[in-house]
Every structure is written in structure tokens, then in C-alpha cells.
Protein backbone atom coordinates (compact mmCIF):
# COMPACT_ATOMS: atom_id res chain seq x y z
CA UNK A 1 -4.38 -3.06 -15.70
CA UNK A 2 -7.63 -4.56 -14.42
CA UNK A 3 -6.27 -4.83 -10.89
CA UNK A 4 -5.01 -1.25 -10.98
CA UNK A 5 -8.39 0.05 -12.17
CA UNK A 6 -10.24 -1.96 -9.52
CA UNK A 7 -7.97 -0.80 -6.69
CA UNK A 8 -8.09 2.83 -7.82
CA UNK A 9 -11.88 2.90 -8.09
CA UNK A 10 -13.88 0.22 -6.31
CA UNK A 11 -10.95 -0.85 -4.10
CA UNK A 12 -11.07 2.42 -2.19
CA UNK A 13 -14.83 2.00 -1.77
CA UNK A 14 -14.35 -1.50 -0.33
CA UNK A 15 -11.70 -0.23 2.09
CA UNK A 16 -13.73 2.78 3.22
CA UNK A 17 -17.08 1.01 3.75
CA UNK A 18 -15.45 -2.03 5.34
CA UNK A 19 -13.99 0.24 8.03
CA UNK A 20 -17.32 2.05 8.42
CA UNK A 21 -19.49 -1.08 8.66
CA UNK A 22 -17.04 -2.74 11.04
CA UNK A 23 -17.20 0.25 13.39
CA UNK A 24 -21.00 -0.14 13.55
CA UNK A 25 -20.81 -3.98 13.60
CA UNK A 26 -23.07 -3.87 10.54
CA UNK A 27 -22.03 -7.32 9.33
CA UNK A 28 -24.93 -7.78 6.90
CA UNK A 29 -23.84 -4.79 4.82
CA UNK A 30 -20.19 -5.78 5.08
CA UNK A 31 -20.98 -9.24 3.73
CA UNK A 32 -23.15 -7.68 1.04
CA UNK A 33 -20.30 -5.34 0.08
CA UNK A 34 -17.82 -8.17 -0.45
CA UNK A 35 -20.40 -10.36 -2.19
CA UNK A 36 -21.47 -7.60 -4.55
CA UNK A 37 -17.97 -6.71 -5.70
CA UNK A 38 -17.09 -10.41 -5.99
CA UNK A 39 -20.06 -10.80 -8.35
CA UNK A 40 -18.92 -7.73 -10.31
CA UNK A 41 -15.45 -9.25 -10.66
CA UNK A 42 -16.90 -12.60 -11.77
CA UNK A 43 -19.06 -10.91 -14.42
CA UNK A 44 -16.11 -8.90 -15.73
CA UNK A 45 -13.92 -12.01 -15.90
CA UNK A 46 -16.51 -13.81 -18.05
CA UNK A 47 -16.86 -10.76 -20.30
CA UNK A 48 -13.09 -10.38 -20.71
CA UNK A 49 -12.69 -14.09 -21.45
CA UNK A 50 -15.38 -13.93 -24.14
CA UNK A 51 -13.76 -10.87 -25.71
CA UNK A 52 -10.40 -12.65 -25.84
CA UNK A 53 -12.01 -15.71 -27.42
CA UNK A 54 -13.88 -13.64 -30.03
CA UNK A 55 -10.92 -11.38 -30.91
CA UNK A 56 -8.16 -13.99 -30.90
CA UNK A 57 -10.24 -17.11 -31.56
CA UNK A 58 -9.37 -17.40 -35.21
CA UNK A 59 -10.78 -20.73 -36.39
CA UNK A 60 -12.02 -21.55 -32.92
CA UNK A 61 -9.32 -24.09 -32.10
CA UNK A 62 -8.52 -25.45 -28.66
CA UNK A 63 -5.66 -22.98 -28.26
CA UNK A 64 -8.04 -20.03 -28.40
CA UNK A 65 -10.37 -21.62 -25.84
CA UNK A 66 -7.48 -22.34 -23.46
CA UNK A 67 -6.22 -18.77 -23.85
CA UNK A 68 -9.67 -17.31 -23.17
CA UNK A 69 -10.15 -19.53 -20.10
CA UNK A 70 -6.70 -18.60 -18.74
CA UNK A 71 -7.36 -14.88 -19.19
CA UNK A 72 -10.81 -15.17 -17.62
CA UNK A 73 -9.47 -17.06 -14.61
CA UNK A 74 -6.63 -14.57 -14.26
CA UNK A 75 -8.98 -11.59 -14.26
CA UNK A 76 -11.29 -13.32 -11.77
CA UNK A 77 -8.50 -14.12 -9.33
CA UNK A 78 -6.82 -10.74 -9.70
CA UNK A 79 -10.10 -9.00 -8.96
CA UNK A 80 -10.95 -11.23 -6.00
CA UNK A 81 -7.48 -10.66 -4.56
CA UNK A 82 -8.01 -6.92 -4.84
CA UNK A 83 -11.44 -7.08 -3.16
CA UNK A 84 -10.34 -9.31 -0.27
CA UNK A 85 -7.07 -7.42 0.26
CA UNK A 86 -8.86 -4.07 0.38
CA UNK A 87 -11.35 -5.55 2.85
CA UNK A 88 -8.45 -6.70 5.05
CA UNK A 89 -7.01 -3.18 4.86
CA UNK A 90 -10.38 -1.78 5.91
CA UNK A 91 -10.26 -4.06 8.95
CA UNK A 92 -6.82 -2.55 9.69
CA UNK A 93 -4.99 -5.77 8.82
CA UNK A 94 -2.65 -3.97 6.45
CA UNK A 95 0.27 -6.38 6.87
CA UNK A 96 -1.93 -9.39 6.10
CA UNK A 97 -3.30 -7.56 3.06
CA UNK A 98 0.23 -7.06 1.77
CA UNK A 99 1.13 -10.73 2.25
CA UNK A 100 -1.19 -11.66 -0.62
CA UNK A 101 0.70 -9.27 -2.89
CA UNK A 102 4.03 -10.77 -1.83
CA UNK A 103 2.80 -14.35 -2.31
CA UNK A 104 2.04 -13.80 -6.00
CA UNK A 105 5.55 -13.05 -7.29
CA UNK A 106 7.07 -15.65 -4.93
CA UNK A 107 4.71 -18.36 -6.20
CA UNK A 108 5.42 -17.42 -9.81
CA UNK A 109 9.17 -17.49 -9.16
CA UNK A 110 9.07 -20.93 -7.51
CA UNK A 111 6.79 -22.33 -10.23
CA UNK A 112 9.01 -21.18 -13.08
CA UNK A 113 12.17 -22.20 -11.23
CA UNK A 114 10.75 -25.63 -10.42
CA UNK A 115 9.66 -26.14 -14.02
CA UNK A 116 13.18 -25.45 -15.25
CA UNK A 117 15.19 -27.23 -12.54
CA UNK A 118 12.96 -30.21 -11.69
CA UNK A 119 11.04 -30.90 -14.90
CA UNK A 120 13.61 -29.48 -17.29
CA UNK A 121 11.07 -27.50 -19.29
CA UNK A 122 12.05 -24.32 -21.04
CA UNK A 123 10.19 -21.16 -20.10
CA UNK A 124 7.68 -20.13 -22.77
CA UNK A 125 4.71 -17.71 -22.82
CA UNK A 126 2.18 -20.44 -22.04
CA UNK A 127 4.15 -21.58 -18.98
CA UNK A 128 4.38 -17.99 -17.74
CA UNK A 129 0.61 -17.51 -18.16
CA UNK A 130 -0.26 -20.60 -16.13
CA UNK A 131 2.37 -19.69 -13.56
CA UNK A 132 0.74 -16.29 -13.25
CA UNK A 133 -2.67 -17.93 -12.78
CA UNK A 134 -1.23 -20.23 -10.10
CA UNK A 135 0.29 -17.24 -8.31
CA UNK A 136 -3.11 -15.55 -8.33
CA UNK A 137 -4.65 -18.67 -6.78
CA UNK A 138 -2.11 -18.44 -3.97
CA UNK A 139 -2.73 -14.73 -3.33
CA UNK A 140 -6.52 -15.00 -3.55
CA UNK A 141 -6.65 -18.13 -1.40
CA UNK A 142 -4.58 -16.58 1.36
CA UNK A 143 -6.57 -13.32 1.39
CA UNK A 144 -9.95 -15.09 1.30
CA UNK A 145 -9.11 -17.63 4.03
CA UNK A 146 -7.62 -14.90 6.23
CA UNK A 147 -10.70 -12.71 5.77
CA UNK A 148 -13.10 -15.55 6.64
CA UNK A 149 -11.11 -16.41 9.77
CA UNK A 150 -11.20 -12.79 10.92
CA UNK A 151 -14.96 -12.43 10.50
CA UNK A 152 -17.34 -13.51 13.28
CA UNK A 153 -19.33 -16.68 12.53
CA UNK A 154 -22.51 -14.66 12.11
CA UNK A 155 -20.95 -12.77 9.19
CA UNK A 156 -20.21 -15.94 7.22
CA UNK A 157 -23.66 -17.40 7.79
CA UNK A 158 -25.69 -14.19 7.99
CA UNK A 159 -27.95 -12.51 5.46
CA UNK A 160 -26.87 -9.96 2.87
CA UNK A 161 -27.71 -6.27 2.80
CA UNK A 162 -26.81 -4.15 -0.23
CA UNK A 163 -26.25 -0.43 -0.84
CA UNK A 164 -25.47 -0.81 -4.53
CA UNK A 165 -26.23 2.78 -5.50
CA UNK A 166 -23.90 4.18 -2.87
CA UNK A 167 -21.08 1.76 -3.72
CA UNK A 168 -21.27 2.18 -7.49
CA UNK A 169 -21.57 5.96 -7.27
CA UNK A 170 -18.57 6.19 -4.96
CA UNK A 171 -16.55 3.80 -7.11
CA UNK A 172 -17.32 5.72 -10.29
CA UNK A 173 -16.19 9.02 -8.81
CA UNK A 174 -13.04 7.46 -7.37
CA UNK A 175 -12.25 5.82 -10.70
CA UNK A 176 -12.61 9.21 -12.37
CA UNK A 177 -10.39 10.73 -9.68
CA UNK A 178 -7.75 8.03 -10.28
CA UNK A 179 -7.79 8.69 -14.03
CA UNK A 180 -7.40 12.44 -13.39
CA UNK A 181 -4.50 11.76 -11.02
CA UNK A 182 -2.80 9.62 -13.68
CA UNK A 183 -3.38 12.36 -16.25
CA UNK A 184 -1.92 14.95 -13.88
CA UNK A 185 1.13 12.71 -13.43
CA UNK A 186 1.95 11.97 -17.06
CA UNK A 187 0.21 14.57 -19.22
CA UNK A 188 2.74 17.32 -18.55
CA UNK A 189 5.62 15.05 -19.68
CA UNK A 190 3.82 14.46 -22.97
CA UNK A 191 3.16 18.19 -23.37
CA UNK A 192 6.84 19.01 -22.80
CA UNK A 193 7.73 16.59 -25.59
CA UNK A 194 5.02 18.02 -27.84
CA UNK A 195 5.55 21.73 -27.22
CA UNK A 196 9.28 21.44 -26.55
CA UNK A 197 11.58 18.59 -27.54
CA UNK A 198 12.06 14.91 -26.76
CA UNK A 199 15.25 15.76 -24.88
CA UNK A 200 13.36 18.25 -22.69
CA UNK A 201 10.72 15.58 -22.02
CA UNK A 202 13.38 13.09 -20.91
CA UNK A 203 14.98 15.62 -18.57
CA UNK A 204 11.61 16.66 -17.18
CA UNK A 205 10.68 13.03 -16.57
CA UNK A 206 13.80 12.60 -14.42
CA UNK A 207 12.94 15.83 -12.59
CA UNK A 208 9.42 14.68 -11.74
CA UNK A 209 10.68 11.28 -10.62
CA UNK A 210 13.12 12.92 -8.24
CA UNK A 211 10.53 15.28 -6.82
CA UNK A 212 8.11 12.38 -6.22
CA UNK A 213 10.57 10.93 -3.69
CA UNK A 214 9.40 13.69 -1.34
CA UNK A 215 5.90 12.17 -1.38
CA UNK A 216 6.95 8.61 -0.58
CA UNK A 217 6.87 9.07 3.19
CA UNK A 218 3.27 10.27 3.30
CA UNK A 219 2.24 7.78 0.62
CA UNK A 220 3.62 4.88 2.64
CA UNK A 221 1.65 5.78 5.77
CA UNK A 222 -1.68 6.92 4.26
CA UNK A 223 -3.04 3.44 3.25
CA UNK A 224 -2.81 2.19 6.83
CA UNK A 225 -4.34 5.35 8.31
CA UNK A 226 -7.28 5.59 5.88
CA UNK A 227 -9.45 2.83 7.44
CA UNK A 228 -8.80 4.27 10.91
CA UNK A 229 -10.03 7.68 9.76
CA UNK A 230 -13.12 6.09 8.18
CA UNK A 231 -13.88 4.18 11.40
CA UNK A 232 -13.39 7.18 13.71
CA UNK A 233 -15.42 9.57 11.57
CA UNK A 234 -18.23 7.02 11.11
CA UNK A 235 -18.87 6.91 14.86
CA UNK A 236 -18.29 10.65 15.38
CA UNK A 237 -14.97 10.42 17.24
CA UNK A 238 -13.56 13.46 15.47
CA UNK A 239 -11.28 14.46 18.33
CA UNK A 240 -9.46 11.15 17.82
CA UNK A 241 -9.52 11.71 14.07
CA UNK A 242 -7.89 15.11 14.55
CA UNK A 243 -5.06 13.60 16.59
CA UNK A 244 -4.58 10.87 13.98
CA UNK A 245 -4.38 13.35 11.11
CA UNK A 246 -1.99 15.66 12.96
CA UNK A 247 0.33 12.75 13.75
CA UNK A 248 0.11 11.61 10.12
CA UNK A 249 1.08 15.01 8.75
CA UNK A 250 3.93 15.47 11.23
CA UNK A 251 5.27 11.98 10.52
CA UNK A 252 5.06 12.71 6.80
CA UNK A 253 7.03 15.92 7.26
CA UNK A 254 9.77 14.11 9.15
CA UNK A 255 10.05 11.25 6.67
CA UNK A 256 9.91 13.58 3.66
CA UNK A 257 12.47 16.06 4.93
CA UNK A 258 15.65 14.15 3.90
CA UNK A 259 14.62 13.67 0.23
CA UNK A 260 13.35 17.27 0.12
CA UNK A 261 16.73 18.57 1.38
CA UNK A 262 18.57 16.41 -1.13
CA UNK A 263 16.45 17.59 -4.07
CA UNK A 264 16.55 21.28 -3.07
CA UNK A 265 20.18 21.65 -2.00
CA UNK A 266 21.88 18.75 -3.78
CA UNK A 267 19.73 18.42 -6.89
CA UNK A 268 22.79 18.61 -9.13
CA UNK A 269 24.12 15.41 -7.59
CA UNK A 270 20.84 13.56 -8.15
CA UNK A 271 20.37 14.71 -11.75
CA UNK A 272 24.06 14.17 -12.45
CA UNK A 273 23.45 10.44 -11.99
CA UNK A 274 21.51 10.52 -15.28
CA UNK A 275 24.15 12.52 -17.16
CA UNK A 276 25.48 16.06 -17.39
CA UNK A 277 22.77 17.08 -19.85
CA UNK A 278 20.17 16.58 -17.09
CA UNK A 279 21.68 19.31 -14.89
CA UNK A 280 19.62 21.97 -16.67
CA UNK A 281 16.57 20.62 -14.84
CA UNK A 282 17.85 21.39 -11.35
CA UNK A 283 15.72 24.52 -10.86
CA UNK A 284 12.57 22.67 -11.86
CA UNK A 285 13.52 19.89 -9.43
CA UNK A 286 13.75 22.42 -6.59
CA UNK A 287 10.39 23.95 -7.48
CA UNK A 288 8.59 20.60 -7.53
CA UNK A 289 10.31 19.31 -4.39
CA UNK A 290 9.22 22.37 -2.42
CA UNK A 291 5.67 22.15 -3.79
CA UNK A 292 5.43 18.47 -2.86
CA UNK A 293 6.72 19.19 0.63
CA UNK A 294 4.04 21.86 1.06
CA UNK A 295 1.51 19.22 0.02
CA UNK A 296 2.89 16.83 2.65
CA UNK A 297 2.55 19.58 5.27
CA UNK A 298 -1.17 19.80 4.48
CA UNK A 299 -1.53 16.06 5.18
CA UNK A 300 -3.41 13.27 3.42
CA UNK A 301 -6.22 15.49 2.20
CA UNK A 302 -7.44 13.25 -0.64
CA UNK A 303 -7.47 10.22 1.65
CA UNK A 304 -9.54 12.02 4.28
CA UNK A 305 -12.12 13.12 1.72
CA UNK A 306 -12.37 9.62 0.25
CA UNK A 307 -12.59 7.88 3.62
CA UNK A 308 -15.35 10.24 4.81
CA UNK A 309 -17.54 9.88 1.73
CA UNK A 310 -16.59 13.08 -0.12
CA UNK A 311 -15.73 11.27 -3.35
CA UNK A 312 -17.13 13.96 -5.60
CA UNK A 313 -14.95 16.67 -4.09
CA UNK A 314 -11.85 14.60 -4.84
CA UNK A 315 -12.96 13.82 -8.40
CA UNK A 316 -13.95 17.36 -9.37
CA UNK A 317 -10.94 19.01 -7.74
CA UNK A 318 -8.50 16.68 -9.51
CA UNK A 319 -10.34 17.21 -12.79
CA UNK A 320 -10.09 20.98 -12.36
CA UNK A 321 -6.40 20.63 -11.48
CA UNK A 322 -5.75 18.75 -14.73
CA UNK A 323 -7.50 21.40 -16.83
CA UNK A 324 -5.66 24.19 -15.02
CA UNK A 325 -2.34 22.39 -15.45
CA UNK A 326 -2.92 21.91 -19.17
CA UNK A 327 -3.79 25.59 -19.62
CA UNK A 328 -0.65 26.69 -17.76
CA UNK A 329 1.47 24.27 -19.78
CA UNK A 330 0.23 25.77 -23.05
CA UNK A 331 1.26 29.18 -21.78
CA UNK A 332 4.53 28.39 -19.96
CA UNK A 333 6.21 25.55 -21.87
CA UNK A 334 6.74 27.48 -25.14
CA UNK A 335 8.35 30.32 -23.12
CA UNK A 336 10.31 28.46 -20.44
CA UNK A 337 10.47 24.86 -21.60
CA UNK A 338 10.58 22.13 -18.94
CA UNK A 339 10.93 24.75 -16.19
CA UNK A 340 7.57 26.18 -17.23
CA UNK A 341 6.01 22.72 -16.90
CA UNK A 342 7.51 22.43 -13.41
CA UNK A 343 5.97 25.74 -12.35
CA UNK A 344 2.61 24.70 -13.82
CA UNK A 345 2.66 21.34 -12.03
CA UNK A 346 3.75 22.90 -8.73
CA UNK A 347 1.05 25.58 -8.92
CA UNK A 348 -1.76 23.11 -9.68
CA UNK A 349 -0.55 20.71 -6.97
CA UNK A 350 -0.46 23.35 -4.25
CA UNK A 351 -3.82 24.81 -5.29
CA UNK A 352 -5.66 21.46 -5.37
CA UNK A 353 -4.14 20.42 -2.02
CA UNK A 354 -5.13 23.75 -0.49
CA UNK A 355 -8.68 23.42 -1.82
CA UNK A 356 -9.03 19.91 -0.39
CA UNK A 357 -7.65 21.16 2.93
CA UNK A 358 -10.27 23.94 2.96
CA UNK A 359 -13.03 21.49 1.96
CA UNK A 360 -12.19 19.22 4.90
CA UNK A 361 -12.11 22.18 7.27
CA UNK A 362 -15.50 23.40 6.07
CA UNK A 363 -17.21 19.98 5.85
CA UNK A 364 -15.73 18.14 8.81
CA UNK A 365 -14.16 20.80 11.02
CA UNK A 366 -10.80 19.02 10.84
CA UNK A 367 -7.30 20.36 10.29
CA UNK A 368 -5.27 17.80 8.33
CA UNK A 369 -2.06 19.85 8.41
CA UNK A 370 0.96 19.37 10.65
CA UNK A 371 -0.24 22.35 12.75
CA UNK A 372 -3.25 20.40 13.99
CA UNK A 373 -5.26 23.48 14.98
CA UNK A 374 -8.15 22.42 17.21
CA UNK A 375 -10.18 25.62 16.91
CA UNK A 376 -12.33 24.13 14.13
CA UNK A 377 -14.15 22.00 16.70
CA UNK A 378 -17.21 22.67 18.70
CA UNK A 379 -17.77 21.13 22.12
CA UNK A 380 -16.79 17.48 22.45
CA UNK A 381 -15.06 17.29 19.09
CA UNK A 382 -18.30 17.24 17.13
CA UNK A 383 -18.89 18.57 13.67
CA UNK A 384 -19.34 22.30 13.46
CA UNK A 385 -22.82 23.51 12.54
CA UNK A 386 -22.99 24.40 8.87
């Protein structure tokens, strides 16, 4: 949970400002960025360890101390892995950033397997905890060593420069945006179960899962494109940014087309895999699949806003989308059941994507859609006068 919160909030800040500082060769701020968030992670790990010791300490035996130390170390390493991996992503070393994530489960698997086969020890919770800590050491060590090797010597030995207010403010808004996105994802399922029935909620959950397959193509490409957008916009190369965003949206449309066709025209086959009772959700599946495809056509709007410093626009628009979705659910679910929730989710998704698209057009003069209209630019691809 800690790693997810860090990546959703401060992780995006690390990725965005790493790309920006690297484009300016502002190594003092880049080193300050990594140092600051490393100190934040260290402070949180100590706090979490103390909380575990106080809550589960009991009589203060050695077992409680060991548990608190293990949890504290785990939080520290998980956070440092997130910071260094996001920094690697910001430097456009996405593959190397993913290696750290792959190393963790592999290390845990080999540790547990070796304990059973070589030592002959049975797997117990304590062994799993220490195996998890060891796996975090492997992931953190790889990411940190790789990052240090990629940096120029003057970065490692240079002074630190901090923009704490900017980083914390951006992280707070992105954390709020992430919580609103999670609410938008799961709240409607809960409302279907509350205002409808548990069976309707189960069917609607399968419907939303199927429709989310349409978004996988764009979602797979966006993390690697985000730092590039941040770097290009930071130095004012908006003509290049426009080409990047147009290619992103068109690639997303191509990748997302097969799952969209399956969900729209062969939804009965997909839902039939879960059972015949799920076939009643086929119309809702079509509605959500089409809405998600329209969102893909508009491009990675949230990513562009985050990577260009418009964190507040993302946070407030997602918050408004959640409130609007909840209001529509109260009105539509009692009348139409799970189909009403699908229409509410589709409407809020299209509206918030359209608003973000308009915000980017007005603020940056960019067209994130697959059309790639260049008329928003002034001479030389610069920002339009406001």
C-alpha cells in the first residue's frame, strides 16, 4: 500500500521533475529531488516501524522489536525502490526501471525455494517477511546502482538544491488525484451493490473489468512517453511534443481496437465465460467499451497535464467527475440497475476526458487527440498567447 501511494503521488512528481531537470542539465536540483524524497521515505519508515512496535509490541519482547524493524526496513526499501525507479523512468530508462520490479518477485521466489530445497525449512510467515525484505534489497540495490552509474560524476559529488514547496504541492495534488481515480474505479461497484443487489454488483464488476481492456494499450505506452513530454515541454519544443502526442493517440487507437471490437460485437462471448447469468450485462459492456475508446482517441490527457505541471487541473477534474458519477448513480441505478451505473460511468469518463483535452488546448496549445490538429500553434510551435 505504501509503495502504491508513493508511486501515485510523489512518484509522478519525481518522474516529471527528473525529466525537466535533466533537459536543463540542472543536476543540483535533480540531486536535491532524489535526496529529499529519500529523506521523506526514511522518516516514514521510522514512523511506521514505531507504530508497529507500539501497536503490536505487547509486553515489549524481542519478537515485537524484530517485527517492527522488519516492517521499517521493508517500508524504507520499498519507498527507495519507488523513488529510484521513477527517477530512472524520468531519464527515459523505462526498461531498467522495470527490472527492479521484476527482481523483487524473482528474489523472493529463489529465497523461499532455496530455504525449502537446500535448508529443508518449512515456509512460515517470518520466513516470508524476511524473504520480502531481501527481495526489496535486491530491487533497491539494482535501481540505486543503475541510477548512480547513469548520472554524471558532478551529480554524485555536487551540491543540493531544493524546491520543497513545489514538490510537496505537486505530490499532494497528485495523491488526491490518485485517490479520486481509485474512487471513480470502485465506488460505482459498491453503489450497485448498495442500491441494487449483490448479484448486480458482481455482474457489473465483470462488465467494468472487460471494458478496461480497451484502455490497456494506451496505459502501457503512457508511462514511457510521459518523461519525453515533460522534457520537450520544459525546453519549449512543443512542435515535437505535438508529434509525440499524436503518435501516442494513434498507437493507442490501433492497440485498443481489437478489445473494443470484441467487447462491442462479441460481448456475449466474453461475459459468457463467467456464466450465463452475466449475459444481462452485455449492453453495459458495450456502453463502457465505446466510452473508453473515445477516451483513448483523446490521448493521454491526464499524463500531459501532470507532466507539464498542471497537477491541480487533474485533481479537481477527477474530484468533480467522482461527485458527478455519484449523483448520476443515485438517479440511474434504482431505475436501470447495473446498466444505469454503466451510463453514469461512461458519461463522467467522457466528460472529464473532454475537459482535460480542452484544458491542454487552452493552456498549452496542444492537441492530444489522434487527429493531431496543428492549428493551435503560433509560429515556431510556441505557446499561444493567452
